[in-house]
Amino acid sequence: LFPYLSAAMHRICHHCGHPNSPRGTVCARCDAVLPAPDSRSPTGERRVPTILFCDLVGYTRWTELSDPEMVDLVLGEFRHRAEAIVVHYGGQVTQIVGDEVMSLFGYPVAHDDDPLRCVWAARDLHAMVRELSASTVEPACDFQLRLHSGLATGQVVAKRALHD
């Protein structure tokens, strides 16, 4: 999903090539001393981004029960507000497909509290969807919009695009 990010979950032993814990100091296989972690690597820069994924619950059922113009209007408003919330907390929307929004916190601009910013954004996204549902979903369709969200954070090696 993010071509400029590749996993860097292990420290590779220069002696035997064994992948070790990022916090390890000695290779688990050969007991060689692992090199000190470095924020720069030959392949990129170490970062700790947080990814937020959200999608509307029951979106397909809702589209079957609702007027297509209303669905388009609500979906457009959802996307617009979602991007504003993510940007407000210092993240960036990296992908919007249908009712799904993928966001990234901590890259390219990092903050000490990126995971917390991501949680705040998710909280506000849930509140926004409740408000949007109450103000726009047709009462006749007997449906409430809700949001699923998940987040993941961890160490990666961020690579700049070749044209940078």
Foldseek 3Di string as FASTA:
>chain_A
DDVQWDADQFQAAPVPRDTHGPPDQADPPPRHGGDDDDQADPAAGKWKKKKKKKFKPPLVLLCVLDDVVLNVVLQVVLVVVLQVLQVVLPKGFDDDDRRMTMIMATPPPHDPCRVVSSVVSVVVSQVVQQVSQVVRRDVVSVDGIGMDMDMDIDMIGGHDDPVD
